[in-house]
C-alpha atoms as a PDB file:
ATOM      1  CA  MET A   1       0.117   0.319  -0.197  1.00  0.00           C
ATOM      2  CA  TYR A   2       1.461   3.390  -0.920  1.00  0.00           C
ATOM      3  CA  PRO A   3       1.771   6.052   1.373  1.00  0.00           C
ATOM      4  CA  LEU A   4      -0.620   9.001   1.384  1.00  0.00           C
ATOM      5  CA  ILE A   5       2.068  11.640   0.511  1.00  0.00           C
ATOM      6  CA  GLY A   6       2.829  13.779  -2.540  1.00  0.00           C
ATOM      7  CA  PRO A   7      -0.183  15.961  -4.202  1.00  0.00           C
ATOM      8  CA  LYS A   8      -3.657  14.870  -3.049  1.00  0.00           C
ATOM      9  CA  TYR A   9      -4.931  13.595  -7.193  1.00  0.00           C
ATOM     10  CA  VAL A  10      -2.110  10.961  -6.754  1.00  0.00           C
ATOM     11  CA  ALA A  11      -3.086   9.927  -3.392  1.00  0.00           C
ATOM     12  CA  THR A  12      -6.315   9.286  -4.011  1.00  0.00           C
ATOM     13  CA  LYS A  13      -5.447   7.738  -7.713  1.00  0.00           C
ATOM     14  CA  LYS A  14      -2.790   5.256  -5.533  1.00  0.00           C
ATOM     15  CA  SER A  15      -4.860   4.231  -2.150  1.00  0.00           C
ATOM     16  CA  HIS A  16      -8.198   3.985  -3.800  1.00  0.00           C
ATOM     17  CA  LEU A  17      -7.488   2.023  -6.802  1.00  0.00           C
ATOM     18  CA  GLY A  18      -7.949   4.626  -9.394  1.00  0.00           C
ATOM     19  CA  ILE A  19     -10.180   7.348  -7.956  1.00  0.00           C
ATOM     20  CA  ASN A  20     -10.584   9.987 -10.862  1.00  0.00           C
ATOM     21  CA  THR A  21      -9.493  13.527  -9.602  1.00  0.00           C
ATOM     22  CA  THR A  22     -10.749  16.941 -10.697  1.00  0.00           C
ATOM     23  CA  LEU A  23      -8.644  19.970  -9.314  1.00  0.00           C
ATOM     24  CA  HIS A  24      -9.769  23.437  -9.636  1.00  0.00           C
ATOM     25  CA  HIS A  25      -7.298  26.644  -9.314  1.00  0.00           C
ATOM     26  CA  TRP A  26      -4.852  24.282  -7.811  1.00  0.00           C
ATOM     27  CA  SER A  27      -1.204  25.017  -7.840  1.00  0.00           C
ATOM     28  CA  ARG A  28       0.898  23.055 -10.225  1.00  0.00           C
ATOM     29  CA  CYS A  29      -1.751  20.388 -10.704  1.00  0.00           C
ATOM     30  CA  ASN A  30      -0.377  20.565 -14.392  1.00  0.00           C
ATOM     31  CA  ILE A  31       3.127  19.240 -13.176  1.00  0.00           C
ATOM     32  CA  PRO A  32       3.387  15.474 -13.623  1.00  0.00           C
ATOM     33  CA  PHE A  33       4.249  13.789  -9.975  1.00  0.00           C
ATOM     34  CA  GLU A  34       6.502  10.719 -11.064  1.00  0.00           C
ATOM     35  CA  VAL A  35       6.002   7.441  -8.987  1.00  0.00           C
ATOM     36  CA  ASP A  36       7.098   4.437  -9.575  1.00  0.00           C
ATOM     37  CA  GLY A  37       8.856   5.327 -12.793  1.00  0.00           C
ATOM     38  CA  LYS A  38       5.262   7.253 -14.392  1.00  0.00           C
ATOM     39  CA  ALA A  39       4.268  10.370 -14.323  1.00  0.00           C
ATOM     40  CA  ILE A  40       0.555  10.924 -13.155  1.00  0.00           C
ATOM     41  CA  LEU A  41      -1.588  14.018 -13.568  1.00  0.00           C
ATOM     42  CA  PRO A  42      -5.545  14.730 -12.379  1.00  0.00           C
ATOM     43  CA  LYS A  43      -7.763  13.379 -15.039  1.00  0.00           C
ATOM     44  CA  LYS A  44      -9.158  17.132 -14.984  1.00  0.00           C
ATOM     45  CA  TYR A  45      -7.589  20.730 -13.763  1.00  0.00           C
ATOM     46  CA  THR A  46      -7.570  23.910 -13.564  1.00  0.00           C
ATOM     47  CA  PRO A  47      -4.079  25.332 -12.731  1.00  0.00           C
ATOM     48  CA  TYR A  48      -4.319  28.349 -10.203  1.00  0.00           C
ATOM     49  CA  ASP A  49      -4.263  31.589 -11.784  1.00  0.00           C
ATOM     50  CA  ARG A  50      -3.326  34.382  -9.245  1.00  0.00           C
ATOM     51  CA  ASN A  51      -5.125  36.762 -11.894  1.00  0.00           C
ATOM     52  CA  ALA A  52      -8.189  34.746 -11.963  1.00  0.00           C
ATOM     53  CA  TYR A  53      -9.579  35.946  -8.737  1.00  0.00           C
ATOM     54  CA  GLY A  54      -9.168  39.106  -7.717  1.00  0.00           C
ATOM     55  CA  ASP A  55     -11.773  39.030  -5.134  1.00  0.00           C
ATOM     56  CA  ASP A  56     -14.635  37.588  -6.823  1.00  0.00           C
ATOM     57  CA  PRO A  57     -16.367  34.449  -5.228  1.00  0.00           C
ATOM     58  CA  GLU A  58     -18.215  33.909  -8.872  1.00  0.00           C
ATOM     59  CA  VAL A  59     -14.634  31.787  -9.914  1.00  0.00           C
ATOM     60  CA  LEU A  60     -15.221  29.272  -6.886  1.00  0.00           C
ATOM     61  CA  ALA A  61     -18.893  29.786  -7.658  1.00  0.00           C
ATOM     62  CA  GLN A  62     -18.488  28.159 -11.149  1.00  0.00           C
ATOM     63  CA  ALA A  63     -16.033  26.027  -9.993  1.00  0.00           C
ATOM     64  CA  LEU A  64     -18.177  24.275  -8.069  1.00  0.00           C
ATOM     65  CA  SER A  65     -20.780  24.290 -10.465  1.00  0.00           C
ATOM     66  CA  GLU A  66     -18.315  22.235 -12.932  1.00  0.00           C
ATOM     67  CA  VAL A  67     -17.877  20.009  -9.690  1.00  0.00           C
ATOM     68  CA  VAL A  68     -21.777  18.776  -9.382  1.00  0.00           C
ATOM     69  CA  ILE A  69     -21.888  18.488 -13.418  1.00  0.00           C
ATOM     70  CA  ASP A  70     -18.821  15.956 -13.219  1.00  0.00           C
ATOM     71  CA  PHE A  71     -19.875  14.190 -10.196  1.00  0.00           C
ATOM     72  CA  LYS A  72     -23.644  13.893 -12.028  1.00  0.00           C
ATOM     73  CA  PHE A  73     -22.089  12.122 -14.906  1.00  0.00           C
ATOM     74  CA  ASN A  74     -19.764  10.110 -12.625  1.00  0.00           C
ATOM     75  CA  GLU A  75     -16.306  11.474 -14.454  1.00  0.00           C
ATOM     76  CA  PHE A  76     -14.883  12.014 -10.958  1.00  0.00           C
ATOM     77  CA  GLN A  77     -15.241  10.599  -7.785  1.00  0.00           C
ATOM     78  CA  ALA A  78     -12.901  13.206  -6.010  1.00  0.00           C
ATOM     79  CA  ALA A  79     -12.745  16.926  -6.488  1.00  0.00           C
ATOM     80  CA  PHE A  80     -10.374  19.725  -5.050  1.00  0.00           C
ATOM     81  CA  VAL A  81     -11.178  23.320  -5.350  1.00  0.00           C
ATOM     82  CA  TYR A  82      -8.774  26.119  -3.723  1.00  0.00           C
ATOM     83  CA  TYR A  83      -9.990  29.339  -2.727  1.00  0.00           C
ATOM     84  CA  PRO A  84      -7.379  32.044  -1.641  1.00  0.00           C
ATOM     85  CA  THR A  85      -9.418  35.101  -1.265  1.00  0.00           C
ATOM     86  CA  ILE A  86     -10.506  34.751   2.499  1.00  0.00           C
ATOM     87  CA  ASP A  87      -6.808  34.221   3.907  1.00  0.00           C
ATOM     88  CA  SER A  88      -5.452  37.304   1.034  1.00  0.00           C
ATOM     89  CA  MET A  89      -8.217  39.346   2.616  1.00  0.00           C
ATOM     90  CA  GLY A  90      -7.370  38.331   6.374  1.00  0.00           C
ATOM     91  CA  HIS A  91      -3.663  38.899   5.786  1.00  0.00           C
ATOM     92  CA  LYS A  92      -4.296  42.272   4.040  1.00  0.00           C
ATOM     93  CA  TYR A  93      -7.165  43.499   6.569  1.00  0.00           C
ATOM     94  CA  GLY A  94      -6.816  41.329   9.916  1.00  0.00           C
ATOM     95  CA  PRO A  95      -9.505  38.425  10.572  1.00  0.00           C
ATOM     96  CA  ASN A  96     -11.953  40.659  11.831  1.00  0.00           C
ATOM     97  CA  ALA A  97     -12.057  43.238   9.469  1.00  0.00           C
ATOM     98  CA  GLU A  98     -15.436  44.507   7.557  1.00  0.00           C
ATOM     99  CA  GLU A  99     -13.626  43.095   3.949  1.00  0.00           C
ATOM    100  CA  THR A 100     -12.981  40.017   5.430  1.00  0.00           C
ATOM    101  CA  ILE A 101     -16.381  39.342   7.240  1.00  0.00           C
ATOM    102  CA  PHE A 102     -17.962  40.043   3.851  1.00  0.00           C
ATOM    103  CA  GLU A 103     -15.833  37.911   1.916  1.00  0.00           C
ATOM    104  CA  VAL A 104     -16.805  34.931   4.362  1.00  0.00           C
ATOM    105  CA  ARG A 105     -20.337  35.878   3.721  1.00  0.00           C
ATOM    106  CA  MET A 106     -20.083  35.837   0.099  1.00  0.00           C
ATOM    107  CA  VAL A 107     -18.032  32.569   0.060  1.00  0.00           C
ATOM    108  CA  ASP A 108     -20.578  31.188   2.570  1.00  0.00           C
ATOM    109  CA  ASP A 109     -23.436  32.295  -0.254  1.00  0.00           C
ATOM    110  CA  VAL A 110     -21.442  30.128  -2.680  1.00  0.00           C
ATOM    111  CA  ILE A 111     -21.543  27.467  -0.451  1.00  0.00           C
ATOM    112  CA  ASN A 112     -24.634  27.338  -0.161  1.00  0.00           C
ATOM    113  CA  GLY A 113     -25.544  27.293  -3.849  1.00  0.00           C
ATOM    114  CA  PHE A 114     -23.319  24.751  -4.450  1.00  0.00           C
ATOM    115  CA  LEU A 115     -25.204  22.138  -1.418  1.00  0.00           C
ATOM    116  CA  ASN A 116     -28.703  23.596  -3.203  1.00  0.00           C
ATOM    117  CA  ASP A 117     -26.597  22.282  -6.592  1.00  0.00           C
ATOM    118  CA  LEU A 118     -25.896  18.771  -4.783  1.00  0.00           C
ATOM    119  CA  GLU A 119     -29.164  18.553  -3.815  1.00  0.00           C
ATOM    120  CA  ALA A 120     -30.972  19.113  -7.117  1.00  0.00           C
ATOM    121  CA  ASN A 121     -28.997  16.651  -8.722  1.00  0.00           C
ATOM    122  CA  ASP A 122     -29.293  13.827  -6.189  1.00  0.00           C
ATOM    123  CA  LEU A 123     -25.567  13.936  -5.313  1.00  0.00           C
ATOM    124  CA  ALA A 124     -26.424  15.540  -1.381  1.00  0.00           C
ATOM    125  CA  SER A 125     -26.398  11.905  -0.301  1.00  0.00           C
ATOM    126  CA  THR A 126     -23.879  10.462  -2.069  1.00  0.00           C
ATOM    127  CA  THR A 127     -21.264  13.597  -1.408  1.00  0.00           C
ATOM    128  CA  ASN A 128     -18.391  14.557   1.425  1.00  0.00           C
ATOM    129  CA  PHE A 129     -17.771  18.161   1.337  1.00  0.00           C
ATOM    130  CA  VAL A 130     -15.338  18.886   3.258  1.00  0.00           C
ATOM    131  CA  ILE A 131     -13.936  22.588   3.733  1.00  0.00           C
ATOM    132  CA  VAL A 132      -9.552  22.963   4.542  1.00  0.00           C
ATOM    133  CA  SER A 133      -7.513  25.780   5.870  1.00  0.00           C
ATOM    134  CA  ASP A 134      -3.633  25.977   5.981  1.00  0.00           C
ATOM    135  CA  HIS A 135      -3.903  28.197   9.086  1.00  0.00           C
ATOM    136  CA  GLY A 136      -6.186  30.146  11.433  1.00  0.00           C
ATOM    137  CA  MET A 137      -5.756  33.776  12.060  1.00  0.00           C
ATOM    138  CA  SER A 138      -5.602  36.201  14.672  1.00  0.00           C
ATOM    139  CA  ASP A 139      -5.475  39.595  15.261  1.00  0.00           C
ATOM    140  CA  ASN A 140      -1.825  40.711  16.762  1.00  0.00           C
ATOM    141  CA  PHE A 141      -0.390  43.350  14.165  1.00  0.00           C
ATOM    142  CA  ASN A 142      -0.934  45.671  17.219  1.00  0.00           C
ATOM    143  CA  ARG A 143       1.173  44.118  19.820  1.00  0.00           C
ATOM    144  CA  VAL A 144       3.659  42.691  17.198  1.00  0.00           C
ATOM    145  CA  ARG A 145       4.136  46.563  16.251  1.00  0.00           C
ATOM    146  CA  ALA A 146       4.590  47.703  20.374  1.00  0.00           C
ATOM    147  CA  SER A 147       6.637  44.754  20.624  1.00  0.00           C
ATOM    148  CA  LEU A 148       9.082  45.208  17.896  1.00  0.00           C
ATOM    149  CA  GLY A 149       9.380  49.075  18.341  1.00  0.00           C
ATOM    150  CA  THR A 150      10.241  51.727  15.624  1.00  0.00           C
ATOM    151  CA  PRO A 151      11.799  49.280  12.447  1.00  0.00           C
ATOM    152  CA  THR A 152      15.803  49.601  12.339  1.00  0.00           C
ATOM    153  CA  PHE A 153      17.312  47.976   9.132  1.00  0.00           C
ATOM    154  CA  SER A 154      20.925  47.167   8.631  1.00  0.00           C
ATOM    155  CA  THR A 155      23.266  47.193   5.610  1.00  0.00           C
ATOM    156  CA  PHE A 156      25.420  44.063   5.541  1.00  0.00           C
ATOM    157  CA  SER A 157      28.001  43.105   3.108  1.00  0.00           C
ATOM    158  CA  PHE A 158      29.182  39.631   2.555  1.00  0.00           C
END
């Protein structure tokens, strides 16, 4: 049995007897991953494009709509969709800022639409939906700033 390491599509393909996987807006999903001398790519993928997002949750909605269609016609059994904007807003404005909260609400609406689409296509009872994050956030800007004081920079020579 293969360990669950490497890209997610490789892990699903190796460990679950060839699960067809689709990745939407996933970093480097278009680069083959070599396992046992064979190059493996997901069956369907849309590489991550930083310029495609802006702050438009419609990009996420479109990707999730494609997932529903792919699942409905049994083309895929696993899908991974990346959406960076909540994280970006949190880093830029803070986790409790109006801009971040607005983005969370927008994504919540998109996910609600996705769940409704699953239900309308008789997929809700056979679909596992998981949201993951790479980290949490804390509003610590003022504490860090106070502890650092005024930044000073030195010139180094090597």
